[in-house]
Amino acid sequence: MKKVSGIGGIFFKCKDPQKVKDWYAQNLGVVGDQYGVNFEWLQADDPSKKGTTVWAPFPGNTDYFNPSTKDFMINYRVEDLEALVGELKEAGVTIVDEIATYDYGKFVHILDPEGNKIELWQPMGE
C-alpha cells in the first residue's frame, strides 16, 4: 500500500504571520489568502489529477501544533487514511486524535519518534 503520496503542506510558527505573508508576497511573489498559499500541481502518475501543497505561517502562540513543542508541522497527503491509521496503531505509533472529516478531506495527527506532530490528509475524492 502506498502510504504517503506527497507533501500536503508546510506549517510554521512566527511572531507576525501577516508580516511574514506580506514579505513573501512582496519579495518572492508568494501570494495567498488569510490561511496561506495553495500551490497547485499535476500528479506525475496521472496528469489529469490536480494536487495542492499549502504553505502557511501560524502565530507563535498557536496550540495547533500541540503536543509537539516544535515550531513547524508538515502535512503529508495520503491515499487511504483509515487503512494507514490502522497500520500505524499496530506499529505502536502515537495517534494524537481521531480522524476528522471535512468537505476538503480527512485528517489525523500523529507524532514521530522525536515528538514532531505530523498531519496526515486524505483529500476528498482520493
N, C-alpha and C. Protein backbone atom coordinates (compact mmCIF):
# COMPACT_ATOMS: atom_id res chain seq x y z
N MET A 1 0.85 -1.19 0.00
CA MET A 1 0.00 0.00 0.00
C MET A 1 0.89 1.24 0.00
N LYS A 2 0.62 2.15 -0.91
CA LYS A 2 1.34 3.42 -0.92
C LYS A 2 0.84 4.25 0.25
N LYS A 3 1.73 4.68 1.11
CA LYS A 3 1.32 5.36 2.33
C LYS A 3 1.26 6.87 2.17
N VAL A 4 2.34 7.49 1.76
CA VAL A 4 2.36 8.94 1.56
C VAL A 4 2.52 9.20 0.07
N SER A 5 1.67 10.09 -0.46
CA SER A 5 1.72 10.38 -1.89
C SER A 5 2.31 11.76 -2.18
N GLY A 6 2.62 12.52 -1.15
CA GLY A 6 3.21 13.84 -1.36
C GLY A 6 3.12 14.70 -0.12
N ILE A 7 3.64 15.90 -0.23
CA ILE A 7 3.56 16.86 0.87
C ILE A 7 2.32 17.71 0.66
N GLY A 8 1.44 17.69 1.64
CA GLY A 8 0.21 18.45 1.56
C GLY A 8 0.36 19.87 2.09
N GLY A 9 1.34 20.09 2.96
CA GLY A 9 1.52 21.43 3.49
C GLY A 9 2.72 21.56 4.39
N ILE A 10 3.18 22.78 4.47
CA ILE A 10 4.27 23.17 5.38
C ILE A 10 3.70 24.28 6.26
N PHE A 11 3.69 24.04 7.56
CA PHE A 11 3.14 25.00 8.51
C PHE A 11 4.24 25.36 9.51
N PHE A 12 4.35 26.64 9.83
CA PHE A 12 5.40 27.05 10.77
C PHE A 12 4.93 28.23 11.60
N LYS A 13 5.49 28.31 12.81
CA LYS A 13 5.17 29.40 13.72
C LYS A 13 6.05 30.60 13.43
N CYS A 14 5.50 31.79 13.65
CA CYS A 14 6.27 33.01 13.51
C CYS A 14 5.65 34.08 14.41
N LYS A 15 6.38 35.15 14.65
CA LYS A 15 5.90 36.21 15.54
C LYS A 15 4.75 36.99 14.94
N ASP A 16 4.80 37.24 13.64
CA ASP A 16 3.79 38.07 12.98
C ASP A 16 3.44 37.44 11.63
N PRO A 17 2.45 36.50 11.61
CA PRO A 17 2.11 35.81 10.38
C PRO A 17 1.77 36.75 9.22
N GLN A 18 1.05 37.83 9.47
CA GLN A 18 0.69 38.73 8.37
C GLN A 18 1.93 39.41 7.79
N LYS A 19 2.84 39.83 8.65
CA LYS A 19 4.07 40.44 8.16
C LYS A 19 4.88 39.45 7.32
N VAL A 20 4.93 38.20 7.76
CA VAL A 20 5.64 37.17 7.01
C VAL A 20 4.96 36.94 5.66
N LYS A 21 3.63 36.83 5.65
CA LYS A 21 2.90 36.65 4.38
C LYS A 21 3.15 37.83 3.45
N ASP A 22 3.12 39.04 3.99
CA ASP A 22 3.36 40.23 3.17
C ASP A 22 4.77 40.23 2.60
N TRP A 23 5.76 39.85 3.41
CA TRP A 23 7.15 39.80 2.94
C TRP A 23 7.31 38.80 1.79
N TYR A 24 6.74 37.62 1.98
CA TYR A 24 6.83 36.60 0.93
C TYR A 24 6.11 37.05 -0.35
N ALA A 25 4.99 37.72 -0.20
CA ALA A 25 4.25 38.21 -1.37
C ALA A 25 5.07 39.28 -2.10
N GLN A 26 5.60 40.24 -1.36
CA GLN A 26 6.34 41.34 -1.96
C GLN A 26 7.66 40.89 -2.57
N ASN A 27 8.39 40.04 -1.87
CA ASN A 27 9.74 39.70 -2.29
C ASN A 27 9.87 38.44 -3.13
N LEU A 28 8.95 37.51 -2.95
CA LEU A 28 9.05 36.25 -3.67
C LEU A 28 7.83 35.93 -4.53
N GLY A 29 6.82 36.81 -4.50
CA GLY A 29 5.63 36.59 -5.31
C GLY A 29 4.74 35.48 -4.80
N VAL A 30 4.89 35.11 -3.53
CA VAL A 30 4.08 34.07 -2.91
C VAL A 30 2.85 34.74 -2.32
N VAL A 31 1.76 34.75 -3.07
CA VAL A 31 0.55 35.47 -2.68
C VAL A 31 -0.55 34.48 -2.32
N GLY A 32 -1.16 34.69 -1.17
CA GLY A 32 -2.21 33.78 -0.73
C GLY A 32 -3.36 34.53 -0.11
N ASP A 33 -4.03 33.85 0.80
CA ASP A 33 -5.16 34.44 1.50
C ASP A 33 -4.90 34.39 3.00
N GLN A 34 -5.94 34.53 3.80
CA GLN A 34 -5.77 34.56 5.25
C GLN A 34 -5.17 33.27 5.81
N TYR A 35 -5.29 32.16 5.07
CA TYR A 35 -4.81 30.87 5.55
C TYR A 35 -3.40 30.55 5.06
N GLY A 36 -2.96 31.18 4.01
CA GLY A 36 -1.66 30.89 3.45
C GLY A 36 -1.74 30.82 1.93
N VAL A 37 -0.92 29.96 1.34
CA VAL A 37 -0.84 29.85 -0.11
C VAL A 37 -1.08 28.41 -0.52
N ASN A 38 -1.88 28.20 -1.55
CA ASN A 38 -2.08 26.88 -2.14
C ASN A 38 -1.30 26.81 -3.44
N PHE A 39 -0.28 25.97 -3.47
CA PHE A 39 0.46 25.73 -4.70
C PHE A 39 -0.20 24.56 -5.41
N GLU A 40 -0.64 24.78 -6.64
CA GLU A 40 -1.28 23.71 -7.41
C GLU A 40 -0.26 23.04 -8.32
N TRP A 41 -0.45 21.75 -8.53
CA TRP A 41 0.42 20.98 -9.39
C TRP A 41 -0.37 19.81 -9.97
N LEU A 42 0.19 19.14 -10.96
CA LEU A 42 -0.43 17.96 -11.55
C LEU A 42 0.33 16.73 -11.08
N GLN A 43 -0.41 15.66 -10.82
CA GLN A 43 0.22 14.44 -10.35
C GLN A 43 1.05 13.82 -11.47
N ALA A 44 2.25 13.41 -11.16
CA ALA A 44 3.16 12.85 -12.15
C ALA A 44 2.61 11.56 -12.76
N ASP A 45 1.99 10.71 -11.93
CA ASP A 45 1.50 9.44 -12.44
C ASP A 45 0.12 9.54 -13.11
N ASP A 46 -0.54 10.69 -12.95
CA ASP A 46 -1.82 10.93 -13.62
C ASP A 46 -2.02 12.43 -13.77
N PRO A 47 -1.48 13.03 -14.84
CA PRO A 47 -1.54 14.48 -15.04
C PRO A 47 -2.95 15.05 -15.17
N SER A 48 -3.96 14.20 -15.23
CA SER A 48 -5.33 14.72 -15.26
C SER A 48 -5.81 15.09 -13.86
N LYS A 49 -5.04 14.71 -12.83
CA LYS A 49 -5.40 14.99 -11.44
C LYS A 49 -4.54 16.12 -10.89
N LYS A 50 -5.23 17.11 -10.30
CA LYS A 50 -4.53 18.22 -9.65
C LYS A 50 -4.28 17.88 -8.18
N GLY A 51 -3.27 18.52 -7.66
CA GLY A 51 -2.99 18.44 -6.24
C GLY A 51 -2.61 19.81 -5.74
N THR A 52 -2.59 19.97 -4.44
CA THR A 52 -2.17 21.23 -3.84
C THR A 52 -1.22 20.97 -2.68
N THR A 53 -0.34 21.92 -2.47
CA THR A 53 0.51 21.94 -1.30
C THR A 53 0.32 23.31 -0.66
N VAL A 54 0.00 23.31 0.63
CA VAL A 54 -0.28 24.54 1.36
C VAL A 54 0.98 25.01 2.08
N TRP A 55 1.22 26.31 2.05
CA TRP A 55 2.29 26.96 2.80
C TRP A 55 1.59 27.94 3.72
N ALA A 56 1.80 27.81 5.03
CA ALA A 56 1.04 28.67 5.94
C ALA A 56 1.82 29.01 7.22
N PRO A 57 2.04 30.31 7.45
CA PRO A 57 2.60 30.73 8.73
C PRO A 57 1.49 30.80 9.78
N PHE A 58 1.83 30.42 11.00
CA PHE A 58 0.89 30.43 12.12
C PHE A 58 1.43 31.35 13.20
N PRO A 59 0.56 31.89 14.05
CA PRO A 59 1.04 32.70 15.18
C PRO A 59 1.94 31.86 16.09
N GLY A 60 2.93 32.49 16.67
CA GLY A 60 3.86 31.79 17.54
C GLY A 60 3.22 31.12 18.73
N ASN A 61 2.06 31.61 19.15
CA ASN A 61 1.40 31.04 20.33
C ASN A 61 0.30 30.04 19.97
N THR A 62 0.25 29.59 18.71
CA THR A 62 -0.79 28.63 18.33
C THR A 62 -0.65 27.34 19.12
N ASP A 63 -1.77 26.73 19.44
CA ASP A 63 -1.72 25.42 20.08
C ASP A 63 -2.03 24.31 19.05
N TYR A 64 -2.14 24.69 17.79
CA TYR A 64 -2.47 23.72 16.75
C TYR A 64 -1.39 22.65 16.58
N PHE A 65 -0.14 22.98 16.94
CA PHE A 65 0.94 22.02 16.79
C PHE A 65 1.09 21.11 18.02
N ASN A 66 0.36 21.41 19.09
CA ASN A 66 0.44 20.62 20.33
C ASN A 66 0.05 19.17 20.06
N PRO A 67 0.63 18.21 20.72
CA PRO A 67 1.52 18.31 21.86
C PRO A 67 2.98 18.55 21.49
N SER A 68 3.32 18.68 20.23
CA SER A 68 4.69 18.97 19.83
C SER A 68 5.08 20.36 20.31
N THR A 69 6.33 20.51 20.66
CA THR A 69 6.85 21.82 21.07
C THR A 69 7.64 22.47 19.94
N LYS A 70 7.64 21.86 18.77
CA LYS A 70 8.39 22.37 17.62
C LYS A 70 7.66 23.53 16.96
N ASP A 71 8.40 24.30 16.18
CA ASP A 71 7.84 25.47 15.53
C ASP A 71 7.35 25.18 14.12
N PHE A 72 7.21 23.92 13.77
CA PHE A 72 6.76 23.57 12.43
C PHE A 72 5.90 22.31 12.48
N MET A 73 5.15 22.09 11.43
CA MET A 73 4.41 20.85 11.26
C MET A 73 4.30 20.61 9.76
N ILE A 74 4.51 19.38 9.36
CA ILE A 74 4.38 19.01 7.95
C ILE A 74 3.11 18.20 7.78
N ASN A 75 2.40 18.49 6.71
CA ASN A 75 1.19 17.76 6.34
C ASN A 75 1.54 16.88 5.16
N TYR A 76 1.27 15.58 5.30
CA TYR A 76 1.51 14.64 4.21
C TYR A 76 0.19 14.19 3.61
N ARG A 77 0.13 14.16 2.29
CA ARG A 77 -1.02 13.63 1.56
C ARG A 77 -0.95 12.11 1.61
N VAL A 78 -2.06 11.47 1.87
CA VAL A 78 -2.13 10.00 1.86
C VAL A 78 -3.34 9.57 1.04
N GLU A 79 -3.33 8.33 0.62
CA GLU A 79 -4.40 7.84 -0.26
C GLU A 79 -5.50 7.10 0.48
N ASP A 80 -5.19 6.45 1.60
CA ASP A 80 -6.20 5.70 2.35
C ASP A 80 -5.93 5.89 3.83
N LEU A 81 -6.45 6.99 4.36
CA LEU A 81 -6.14 7.39 5.73
C LEU A 81 -6.57 6.35 6.75
N GLU A 82 -7.76 5.82 6.60
CA GLU A 82 -8.26 4.87 7.59
C GLU A 82 -7.39 3.62 7.65
N ALA A 83 -7.02 3.07 6.50
CA ALA A 83 -6.15 1.89 6.48
C ALA A 83 -4.78 2.23 7.07
N LEU A 84 -4.25 3.39 6.74
CA LEU A 84 -2.95 3.79 7.25
C LEU A 84 -2.98 3.95 8.77
N VAL A 85 -4.03 4.56 9.30
CA VAL A 85 -4.13 4.73 10.76
C VAL A 85 -4.16 3.36 11.44
N GLY A 86 -4.86 2.40 10.84
CA GLY A 86 -4.88 1.05 11.39
C GLY A 86 -3.47 0.46 11.45
N GLU A 87 -2.70 0.62 10.38
CA GLU A 87 -1.33 0.12 10.35
C GLU A 87 -0.45 0.84 11.36
N LEU A 88 -0.63 2.15 11.48
CA LEU A 88 0.17 2.92 12.43
C LEU A 88 -0.12 2.51 13.87
N LYS A 89 -1.38 2.26 14.18
CA LYS A 89 -1.74 1.81 15.53
C LYS A 89 -1.07 0.47 15.83
N GLU A 90 -1.11 -0.43 14.86
CA GLU A 90 -0.48 -1.75 15.04
C GLU A 90 1.02 -1.61 15.25
N ALA A 91 1.63 -0.60 14.64
CA ALA A 91 3.07 -0.38 14.76
C ALA A 91 3.44 0.38 16.03
N GLY A 92 2.44 0.79 16.81
CA GLY A 92 2.70 1.50 18.06
C GLY A 92 2.95 2.98 17.91
N VAL A 93 2.59 3.55 16.75
CA VAL A 93 2.76 4.99 16.52
C VAL A 93 1.72 5.74 17.36
N THR A 94 2.14 6.87 17.95
CA THR A 94 1.22 7.70 18.73
C THR A 94 0.26 8.43 17.80
N ILE A 95 -1.02 8.14 17.96
CA ILE A 95 -2.08 8.82 17.21
C ILE A 95 -2.64 9.89 18.15
N VAL A 96 -2.55 11.15 17.77
CA VAL A 96 -2.91 12.26 18.66
C VAL A 96 -4.41 12.43 18.80
N ASP A 97 -5.15 12.20 17.71
CA ASP A 97 -6.59 12.46 17.73
C ASP A 97 -7.32 11.46 16.83
N GLU A 98 -8.61 11.62 16.73
CA GLU A 98 -9.42 10.77 15.85
C GLU A 98 -9.44 11.37 14.45
N ILE A 99 -9.75 10.56 13.48
CA ILE A 99 -9.88 11.05 12.10
C ILE A 99 -11.04 12.05 12.05
N ALA A 100 -10.77 13.22 11.50
CA ALA A 100 -11.79 14.26 11.33
C ALA A 100 -12.06 14.41 9.83
N THR A 101 -13.33 14.54 9.48
CA THR A 101 -13.72 14.66 8.08
C THR A 101 -14.34 16.02 7.81
N TYR A 102 -13.86 16.67 6.76
CA TYR A 102 -14.37 17.97 6.33
C TYR A 102 -14.70 17.87 4.84
N ASP A 103 -15.25 18.92 4.28
CA ASP A 103 -15.60 18.87 2.86
C ASP A 103 -14.38 18.82 1.95
N TYR A 104 -13.20 19.10 2.47
CA TYR A 104 -11.97 19.08 1.67
C TYR A 104 -11.06 17.91 2.01
N GLY A 105 -11.50 17.01 2.89
CA GLY A 105 -10.71 15.83 3.16
C GLY A 105 -10.79 15.33 4.58
N LYS A 106 -10.03 14.26 4.83
CA LYS A 106 -9.95 13.64 6.15
C LYS A 106 -8.57 13.92 6.72
N PHE A 107 -8.52 14.13 8.05
CA PHE A 107 -7.27 14.48 8.72
C PHE A 107 -7.10 13.67 10.00
N VAL A 108 -5.85 13.42 10.34
CA VAL A 108 -5.49 12.88 11.65
C VAL A 108 -4.07 13.34 11.94
N HIS A 109 -3.71 13.38 13.20
CA HIS A 109 -2.38 13.82 13.61
C HIS A 109 -1.67 12.70 14.36
N ILE A 110 -0.37 12.57 14.09
CA ILE A 110 0.46 11.57 14.74
C ILE A 110 1.74 12.25 15.23
N LEU A 111 2.53 11.52 16.03
CA LEU A 111 3.83 12.01 16.47
C LEU A 111 4.91 11.09 15.94
N ASP A 112 6.02 11.69 15.49
CA ASP A 112 7.17 10.88 15.09
C ASP A 112 8.00 10.58 16.33
N PRO A 113 9.08 9.82 16.21
CA PRO A 113 9.85 9.43 17.41
C PRO A 113 10.45 10.59 18.20
N GLU A 114 10.59 11.77 17.57
CA GLU A 114 11.15 12.91 18.28
C GLU A 114 10.08 13.89 18.75
N GLY A 115 8.81 13.49 18.67
CA GLY A 115 7.73 14.34 19.16
C GLY A 115 7.25 15.38 18.18
N ASN A 116 7.66 15.29 16.92
CA ASN A 116 7.15 16.22 15.90
C ASN A 116 5.74 15.81 15.52
N LYS A 117 4.82 16.75 15.59
CA LYS A 117 3.45 16.47 15.19
C LYS A 117 3.38 16.47 13.67
N ILE A 118 2.74 15.46 13.12
CA ILE A 118 2.58 15.30 11.68
C ILE A 118 1.10 15.24 11.39
N GLU A 119 0.68 15.98 10.38
CA GLU A 119 -0.71 15.95 9.96
C GLU A 119 -0.81 15.09 8.71
N LEU A 120 -1.69 14.10 8.74
CA LEU A 120 -1.95 13.25 7.59
C LEU A 120 -3.29 13.67 6.99
N TRP A 121 -3.32 13.83 5.68
CA TRP A 121 -4.51 14.36 4.98
C TRP A 121 -4.83 13.50 3.76
N GLN A 122 -6.06 13.05 3.72
CA GLN A 122 -6.56 12.38 2.52
C GLN A 122 -7.55 13.35 1.87
N PRO A 123 -7.14 13.96 0.77
CA PRO A 123 -8.05 14.89 0.09
C PRO A 123 -9.34 14.19 -0.34
N MET A 124 -10.43 14.93 -0.38
CA MET A 124 -11.69 14.35 -0.84
C MET A 124 -11.53 13.88 -2.28
N GLY A 125 -12.17 12.78 -2.58
CA GLY A 125 -12.11 12.24 -3.94
C GLY A 125 -10.92 11.34 -4.16
N GLU A 126 -10.11 11.12 -3.15
CA GLU A 126 -8.95 10.22 -3.30
C GLU A 126 -9.12 9.03 -2.41
